[in-house]
Amino acid sequence: MAVHSIDEDFPFWSPGTQGPFAEWLWQRLGRHSSVGWAIEIEREAQDAGVPAVELFFSLWDEYRAERSQP
């Protein structure tokens, strides 16, 4: 879609940025990372002793809940 200059609501990546989900995650974690949101979630999951996919969906639900509030 970006190739044709069509705006697309995709929170995980957009040309030139890591995307709104990554920006939200950096604020949520209190730090910024150049390795990307997926690696940071894996690191957080390992530290917490939970499966990374479980933590991802928990964070995704939190992100969506915050974004839907006015």
PDB file of N, CA and C in Angstrom:
ATOM      1  N   MET A   1       0.830  -1.184   0.000  1.00  0.00           N
ATOM      2  CA  MET A   1       0.000   0.000   0.000  1.00  0.00           C
ATOM      3  C   MET A   1       0.885   1.262   0.000  1.00  0.00           C
ATOM      4  N   ALA A   2       1.941   1.255   0.795  1.00  0.00           N
ATOM      5  CA  ALA A   2       2.808   2.423   0.870  1.00  0.00           C
ATOM      6  C   ALA A   2       3.467   2.726  -0.472  1.00  0.00           C
ATOM      7  N   VAL A   3       3.746   1.690  -1.245  1.00  0.00           N
ATOM      8  CA  VAL A   3       4.351   1.870  -2.559  1.00  0.00           C
ATOM      9  C   VAL A   3       3.474   2.751  -3.440  1.00  0.00           C
ATOM     10  N   HIS A   4       2.169   2.657  -3.245  1.00  0.00           N
ATOM     11  CA  HIS A   4       1.220   3.430  -4.038  1.00  0.00           C
ATOM     12  C   HIS A   4       0.708   4.666  -3.304  1.00  0.00           C
ATOM     13  N   SER A   5       1.417   5.034  -2.229  1.00  0.00           N
ATOM     14  CA  SER A   5       1.079   6.225  -1.422  1.00  0.00           C
ATOM     15  C   SER A   5      -0.339   6.171  -0.856  1.00  0.00           C
ATOM     16  N   ILE A   6      -0.755   4.975  -0.470  1.00  0.00           N
ATOM     17  CA  ILE A   6      -2.059   4.800   0.152  1.00  0.00           C
ATOM     18  C   ILE A   6      -1.835   4.616   1.649  1.00  0.00           C
ATOM     19  N   ASP A   7      -2.452   5.480   2.443  1.00  0.00           N
ATOM     20  CA  ASP A   7      -2.316   5.362   3.889  1.00  0.00           C
ATOM     21  C   ASP A   7      -2.972   4.079   4.361  1.00  0.00           C
ATOM     22  N   GLU A   8      -2.289   3.417   5.253  1.00  0.00           N
ATOM     23  CA  GLU A   8      -2.783   2.158   5.785  1.00  0.00           C
ATOM     24  C   GLU A   8      -2.598   2.189   7.293  1.00  0.00           C
ATOM     25  N   ASP A   9      -3.626   1.821   8.022  1.00  0.00           N
ATOM     26  CA  ASP A   9      -3.544   1.780   9.472  1.00  0.00           C
ATOM     27  C   ASP A   9      -2.915   0.461   9.891  1.00  0.00           C
ATOM     28  N   PHE A  10      -1.597   0.447   9.995  1.00  0.00           N
ATOM     29  CA  PHE A  10      -0.850  -0.747  10.372  1.00  0.00           C
ATOM     30  C   PHE A  10       0.088  -0.346  11.496  1.00  0.00           C
ATOM     31  N   PRO A  11      -0.219  -0.692  12.749  1.00  0.00           N
ATOM     32  CA  PRO A  11       0.526  -0.175  13.889  1.00  0.00           C
ATOM     33  C   PRO A  11       1.913  -0.763  14.115  1.00  0.00           C
ATOM     34  N   PHE A  12       2.306  -1.776  13.360  1.00  0.00           N
ATOM     35  CA  PHE A  12       3.583  -2.426  13.625  1.00  0.00           C
ATOM     36  C   PHE A  12       4.750  -1.880  12.832  1.00  0.00           C
ATOM     37  N   TRP A  13       4.489  -1.203  11.746  1.00  0.00           N
ATOM     38  CA  TRP A  13       5.565  -0.660  10.923  1.00  0.00           C
ATOM     39  C   TRP A  13       4.972   0.318   9.936  1.00  0.00           C
ATOM     40  N   SER A  14       5.706   1.357   9.680  1.00  0.00           N
ATOM     41  CA  SER A  14       5.349   2.271   8.606  1.00  0.00           C
ATOM     42  C   SER A  14       6.650   2.799   8.022  1.00  0.00           C
ATOM     43  N   PRO A  15       6.667   3.155   6.758  1.00  0.00           N
ATOM     44  CA  PRO A  15       7.921   3.580   6.128  1.00  0.00           C
ATOM     45  C   PRO A  15       8.608   4.703   6.912  1.00  0.00           C
ATOM     46  N   GLY A  16       9.849   4.462   7.254  1.00  0.00           N
ATOM     47  CA  GLY A  16      10.641   5.465   7.958  1.00  0.00           C
ATOM     48  C   GLY A  16      10.520   5.447   9.464  1.00  0.00           C
ATOM     49  N   THR A  17       9.596   4.665  10.010  1.00  0.00           N
ATOM     50  CA  THR A  17       9.439   4.571  11.463  1.00  0.00           C
ATOM     51  C   THR A  17       9.173   3.126  11.854  1.00  0.00           C
ATOM     52  N   GLN A  18       9.273   2.856  13.131  1.00  0.00           N
ATOM     53  CA  GLN A  18       8.942   1.519  13.616  1.00  0.00           C
ATOM     54  C   GLN A  18       7.447   1.351  13.812  1.00  0.00           C
ATOM     55  N   GLY A  19       6.714   2.432  13.826  1.00  0.00           N
ATOM     56  CA  GLY A  19       5.268   2.359  13.932  1.00  0.00           C
ATOM     57  C   GLY A  19       4.751   2.742  15.303  1.00  0.00           C
ATOM     58  N   PRO A  20       3.455   3.000  15.392  1.00  0.00           N
ATOM     59  CA  PRO A  20       2.867   3.466  16.646  1.00  0.00           C
ATOM     60  C   PRO A  20       2.925   2.442  17.776  1.00  0.00           C
ATOM     61  N   PHE A  21       2.841   1.146  17.456  1.00  0.00           N
ATOM     62  CA  PHE A  21       2.925   0.155  18.526  1.00  0.00           C
ATOM     63  C   PHE A  21       4.297   0.207  19.186  1.00  0.00           C
ATOM     64  N   ALA A  22       5.354   0.314  18.406  1.00  0.00           N
ATOM     65  CA  ALA A  22       6.702   0.395  18.961  1.00  0.00           C
ATOM     66  C   ALA A  22       6.863   1.646  19.814  1.00  0.00           C
ATOM     67  N   GLU A  23       6.366   2.765  19.336  1.00  0.00           N
ATOM     68  CA  GLU A  23       6.465   4.002  20.120  1.00  0.00           C
ATOM     69  C   GLU A  23       5.719   3.869  21.452  1.00  0.00           C
ATOM     70  N   TRP A  24       4.547   3.260  21.394  1.00  0.00           N
ATOM     71  CA  TRP A  24       3.788   3.015  22.612  1.00  0.00           C
ATOM     72  C   TRP A  24       4.558   2.098  23.555  1.00  0.00           C
ATOM     73  N   LEU A  25       5.148   1.029  22.997  1.00  0.00           N
ATOM     74  CA  LEU A  25       5.895   0.072  23.803  1.00  0.00           C
ATOM     75  C   LEU A  25       7.092   0.722  24.473  1.00  0.00           C
ATOM     76  N   TRP A  26       7.798   1.606  23.745  1.00  0.00           N
ATOM     77  CA  TRP A  26       8.966   2.274  24.349  1.00  0.00           C
ATOM     78  C   TRP A  26       8.519   3.099  25.548  1.00  0.00           C
ATOM     79  N   GLN A  27       7.408   3.790  25.420  1.00  0.00           N
ATOM     80  CA  GLN A  27       6.894   4.561  26.563  1.00  0.00           C
ATOM     81  C   GLN A  27       6.475   3.631  27.684  1.00  0.00           C
ATOM     82  N   ARG A  28       5.830   2.565  27.360  1.00  0.00           N
ATOM     83  CA  ARG A  28       5.347   1.604  28.355  1.00  0.00           C
ATOM     84  C   ARG A  28       6.500   0.982  29.118  1.00  0.00           C
ATOM     85  N   LEU A  29       7.600   0.663  28.416  1.00  0.00           N
ATOM     86  CA  LEU A  29       8.757   0.044  29.058  1.00  0.00           C
ATOM     87  C   LEU A  29       9.715   1.062  29.674  1.00  0.00           C
ATOM     88  N   GLY A  30       9.552   2.332  29.307  1.00  0.00           N
ATOM     89  CA  GLY A  30      10.425   3.366  29.845  1.00  0.00           C
ATOM     90  C   GLY A  30      11.795   3.416  29.199  1.00  0.00           C
ATOM     91  N   ARG A  31      11.891   2.894  27.987  1.00  0.00           N
ATOM     92  CA  ARG A  31      13.175   2.932  27.269  1.00  0.00           C
ATOM     93  C   ARG A  31      12.909   2.792  25.775  1.00  0.00           C
ATOM     94  N   HIS A  32      13.931   3.067  24.994  1.00  0.00           N
ATOM     95  CA  HIS A  32      13.850   2.939  23.540  1.00  0.00           C
ATOM     96  C   HIS A  32      14.821   1.849  23.123  1.00  0.00           C
ATOM     97  N   SER A  33      14.519   1.180  22.048  1.00  0.00           N
ATOM     98  CA  SER A  33      15.382   0.103  21.579  1.00  0.00           C
ATOM     99  C   SER A  33      15.509   0.160  20.072  1.00  0.00           C
ATOM    100  N   SER A  34      16.691  -0.106  19.588  1.00  0.00           N
ATOM    101  CA  SER A  34      16.906  -0.143  18.144  1.00  0.00           C
ATOM    102  C   SER A  34      16.717  -1.545  17.579  1.00  0.00           C
ATOM    103  N   VAL A  35      16.540  -2.543  18.437  1.00  0.00           N
ATOM    104  CA  VAL A  35      16.398  -3.917  17.948  1.00  0.00           C
ATOM    105  C   VAL A  35      14.966  -4.257  17.554  1.00  0.00           C
ATOM    106  N   GLY A  36      14.017  -3.439  17.907  1.00  0.00           N
ATOM    107  CA  GLY A  36      12.639  -3.672  17.504  1.00  0.00           C
ATOM    108  C   GLY A  36      11.768  -4.188  18.626  1.00  0.00           C
ATOM    109  N   TRP A  37      10.476  -4.007  18.425  1.00  0.00           N
ATOM    110  CA  TRP A  37       9.522  -4.339  19.479  1.00  0.00           C
ATOM    111  C   TRP A  37       9.455  -5.839  19.755  1.00  0.00           C
ATOM    112  N   ALA A  38       9.601  -6.676  18.755  1.00  0.00           N
ATOM    113  CA  ALA A  38       9.486  -8.120  18.961  1.00  0.00           C
ATOM    114  C   ALA A  38      10.597  -8.643  19.872  1.00  0.00           C
ATOM    115  N   ILE A  39      11.817  -8.183  19.644  1.00  0.00           N
ATOM    116  CA  ILE A  39      12.943  -8.620  20.479  1.00  0.00           C
ATOM    117  C   ILE A  39      12.758  -8.137  21.910  1.00  0.00           C
ATOM    118  N   GLU A  40      12.298  -6.912  22.063  1.00  0.00           N
ATOM    119  CA  GLU A  40      12.079  -6.381  23.422  1.00  0.00           C
ATOM    120  C   GLU A  40      10.988  -7.152  24.156  1.00  0.00           C
ATOM    121  N   ILE A  41       9.959  -7.547  23.440  1.00  0.00           N
ATOM    122  CA  ILE A  41       8.916  -8.350  24.079  1.00  0.00           C
ATOM    123  C   ILE A  41       9.479  -9.714  24.470  1.00  0.00           C
ATOM    124  N   GLU A  42      10.303 -10.300  23.623  1.00  0.00           N
ATOM    125  CA  GLU A  42      10.942 -11.569  23.980  1.00  0.00           C
ATOM    126  C   GLU A  42      11.801 -11.422  25.233  1.00  0.00           C
ATOM    127  N   ARG A  43      12.542 -10.342  25.325  1.00  0.00           N
ATOM    128  CA  ARG A  43      13.385 -10.108  26.504  1.00  0.00           C
ATOM    129  C   ARG A  43      12.538  -9.926  27.763  1.00  0.00           C
ATOM    130  N   GLU A  44      11.490  -9.134  27.640  1.00  0.00           N
ATOM    131  CA  GLU A  44      10.600  -8.908  28.786  1.00  0.00           C
ATOM    132  C   GLU A  44       9.942 -10.216  29.225  1.00  0.00           C
ATOM    133  N   ALA A  45       9.525 -11.023  28.264  1.00  0.00           N
ATOM    134  CA  ALA A  45       8.877 -12.297  28.577  1.00  0.00           C
ATOM    135  C   ALA A  45       9.845 -13.239  29.287  1.00  0.00           C
ATOM    136  N   GLN A  46      11.065 -13.270  28.811  1.00  0.00           N
ATOM    137  CA  GLN A  46      12.064 -14.132  29.447  1.00  0.00           C
ATOM    138  C   GLN A  46      12.297 -13.689  30.893  1.00  0.00           C
ATOM    139  N   ASP A  47      12.421 -12.388  31.108  1.00  0.00           N
ATOM    140  CA  ASP A  47      12.619 -11.876  32.465  1.00  0.00           C
ATOM    141  C   ASP A  47      11.430 -12.180  33.369  1.00  0.00           C
ATOM    142  N   ALA A  48      10.220 -12.149  32.792  1.00  0.00           N
ATOM    143  CA  ALA A  48       9.002 -12.387  33.576  1.00  0.00           C
ATOM    144  C   ALA A  48       8.661 -13.871  33.687  1.00  0.00           C
ATOM    145  N   GLY A  49       9.334 -14.708  32.893  1.00  0.00           N
ATOM    146  CA  GLY A  49       9.068 -16.139  32.924  1.00  0.00           C
ATOM    147  C   GLY A  49       7.733 -16.524  32.307  1.00  0.00           C
ATOM    148  N   VAL A  50       7.332 -15.775  31.278  1.00  0.00           N
ATOM    149  CA  VAL A  50       6.085 -16.079  30.573  1.00  0.00           C
ATOM    150  C   VAL A  50       6.394 -16.276  29.091  1.00  0.00           C
ATOM    151  N   PRO A  51       5.535 -16.987  28.372  1.00  0.00           N
ATOM    152  CA  PRO A  51       5.755 -17.125  26.924  1.00  0.00           C
ATOM    153  C   PRO A  51       5.664 -15.772  26.225  1.00  0.00           C
ATOM    154  N   ALA A  52       6.543 -15.556  25.274  1.00  0.00           N
ATOM    155  CA  ALA A  52       6.589 -14.270  24.573  1.00  0.00           C
ATOM    156  C   ALA A  52       5.283 -13.974  23.847  1.00  0.00           C
ATOM    157  N   VAL A  53       4.677 -14.975  23.247  1.00  0.00           N
ATOM    158  CA  VAL A  53       3.436 -14.743  22.516  1.00  0.00           C
ATOM    159  C   VAL A  53       2.321 -14.318  23.482  1.00  0.00           C
ATOM    160  N   GLU A  54       2.317 -14.884  24.677  1.00  0.00           N
ATOM    161  CA  GLU A  54       1.332 -14.488  25.687  1.00  0.00           C
ATOM    162  C   GLU A  54       1.526 -13.028  26.090  1.00  0.00           C
ATOM    163  N   LEU A  55       2.775 -12.626  26.315  1.00  0.00           N
ATOM    164  CA  LEU A  55       3.056 -11.239  26.669  1.00  0.00           C
ATOM    165  C   LEU A  55       2.698 -10.308  25.520  1.00  0.00           C
ATOM    166  N   PHE A  56       3.009 -10.719  24.287  1.00  0.00           N
ATOM    167  CA  PHE A  56       2.662  -9.889  23.143  1.00  0.00           C
ATOM    168  C   PHE A  56       1.169  -9.590  23.121  1.00  0.00           C
ATOM    169  N   PHE A  57       0.340 -10.625  23.237  1.00  0.00           N
ATOM    170  CA  PHE A  57      -1.102 -10.402  23.155  1.00  0.00           C
ATOM    171  C   PHE A  57      -1.627  -9.600  24.343  1.00  0.00           C
ATOM    172  N   SER A  58      -1.015  -9.742  25.467  1.00  0.00           N
ATOM    173  CA  SER A  58      -1.386  -8.922  26.621  1.00  0.00           C
ATOM    174  C   SER A  58      -1.068  -7.445  26.346  1.00  0.00           C
ATOM    175  N   LEU A  59       0.120  -7.182  25.823  1.00  0.00           N
ATOM    176  CA  LEU A  59       0.506  -5.810  25.482  1.00  0.00           C
ATOM    177  C   LEU A  59      -0.345  -5.272  24.331  1.00  0.00           C
ATOM    178  N   TRP A  60      -0.636  -6.113  23.361  1.00  0.00           N
ATOM    179  CA  TRP A  60      -1.465  -5.699  22.228  1.00  0.00           C
ATOM    180  C   TRP A  60      -2.852  -5.294  22.713  1.00  0.00           C
ATOM    181  N   ASP A  61      -3.443  -6.074  23.618  1.00  0.00           N
ATOM    182  CA  ASP A  61      -4.751  -5.724  24.179  1.00  0.00           C
ATOM    183  C   ASP A  61      -4.689  -4.395  24.924  1.00  0.00           C
ATOM    184  N   GLU A  62      -3.618  -4.193  25.680  1.00  0.00           N
ATOM    185  CA  GLU A  62      -3.440  -2.938  26.419  1.00  0.00           C
ATOM    186  C   GLU A  62      -3.309  -1.758  25.456  1.00  0.00           C
ATOM    187  N   TYR A  63      -2.519  -1.932  24.420  1.00  0.00           N
ATOM    188  CA  TYR A  63      -2.332  -0.890  23.404  1.00  0.00           C
ATOM    189  C   TYR A  63      -3.665  -0.528  22.754  1.00  0.00           C
ATOM    190  N   ARG A  64      -4.405  -1.537  22.328  1.00  0.00           N
ATOM    191  CA  ARG A  64      -5.698  -1.288  21.671  1.00  0.00           C
ATOM    192  C   ARG A  64      -6.686  -0.626  22.624  1.00  0.00           C
ATOM    193  N   ALA A  65      -6.688  -1.013  23.872  1.00  0.00           N
ATOM    194  CA  ALA A  65      -7.596  -0.413  24.851  1.00  0.00           C
ATOM    195  C   ALA A  65      -7.281   1.072  25.037  1.00  0.00           C
ATOM    196  N   GLU A  66      -5.999   1.388  25.130  1.00  0.00           N
ATOM    197  CA  GLU A  66      -5.603   2.791  25.284  1.00  0.00           C
ATOM    198  C   GLU A  66      -5.922   3.610  24.041  1.00  0.00           C
ATOM    199  N   ARG A  67      -5.744   3.023  22.874  1.00  0.00           N
ATOM    200  CA  ARG A  67      -6.006   3.734  21.625  1.00  0.00           C
ATOM    201  C   ARG A  67      -7.491   3.976  21.395  1.00  0.00           C
ATOM    202  N   SER A  68      -8.339   3.139  21.977  1.00  0.00           N
ATOM    203  CA  SER A  68      -9.786   3.293  21.754  1.00  0.00           C
ATOM    204  C   SER A  68     -10.417   4.295  22.705  1.00  0.00           C
ATOM    205  N   GLN A  69      -9.667   4.730  23.723  1.00  0.00           N
ATOM    206  CA  GLN A  69     -10.203   5.717  24.657  1.00  0.00           C
ATOM    207  C   GLN A  69     -10.088   7.110  24.040  1.00  0.00           C
ATOM    208  N   PRO A  70     -11.130   7.932  24.231  1.00  0.00           N
ATOM    209  CA  PRO A  70     -11.080   9.299  23.662  1.00  0.00           C
ATOM    210  C   PRO A  70     -10.082  10.196  24.365  1.00  0.00           C
TER     211      PRO A  70
END
